[in-house]
Amino acid sequence: MALKHTQPDLTIVLENIHDPHNVSAIMRTCDAVGIRRVNLLYTEEKFPKIGKKSSASAHKWVENQKFRSVQDCYGYLKGNGFLVAASVVDIGPRLARSGSGSISLYELDLRKQIALVFGNEHRGVSEEAASSADIRFQVPMFGMVQSLNVSVACAITIYEALRQRMESGDFGKQKIGDVEFKKRLDDWAKK
């Protein structure tokens, strides 16, 4: 059952994602691995309209919370125990070791309570969102193109989290209490 695989300690932040189809694709991926909340951080763009068709109904199973500032979003997440990790373009291993750069996705411990931040298709994660994050990471790339489609980068990252959690035996354990489980089950039955 999908609710037993809910990952309340894993969430996504989407910062100013322009294309609602990308947001919908990300929500589908979130639903597939049990992420039940996506945080929409829109400081420049309008909040997207999530299409029923393009999200394949994931909008019914994945809640979204809206924020208008990095400070409010990160404050909420950190106040609820989340480590914030922002995806950025690789700026080099020398800088990563000094603490000002990014680490590889595959060095990131995704078994923790963590919020993964993904940025706009053209601008990436904002400087404020990157510098205010606890960790900066990148998906390793070796070709000429310097970035992936945001929904692809997010899917790769989410499935790395799933892999780590399955490998550690953490995935599949019910992480929400019985009262919340019953409430969500009742809510889902109405949809």
Foldseek 3Di string as FASTA:
>chain_A
DLLLQADQLEEEEEEQAPDLLLVLLLLLLCSVRRDQEYEYEYQDHDDDDRDCVSNVNSCLRHDYHYDNDLCVVVVVQVVVPAQEEEEDFFPDPVCVVVVNTAAELLVDQLQGSYYYYWYYQPPIDDPVNHVPGPHYYYHDDDDPDRDDGRSVRSSVSVVVSVVNCVVVVNGSHRPDDPVVSVVVVVSSVVD
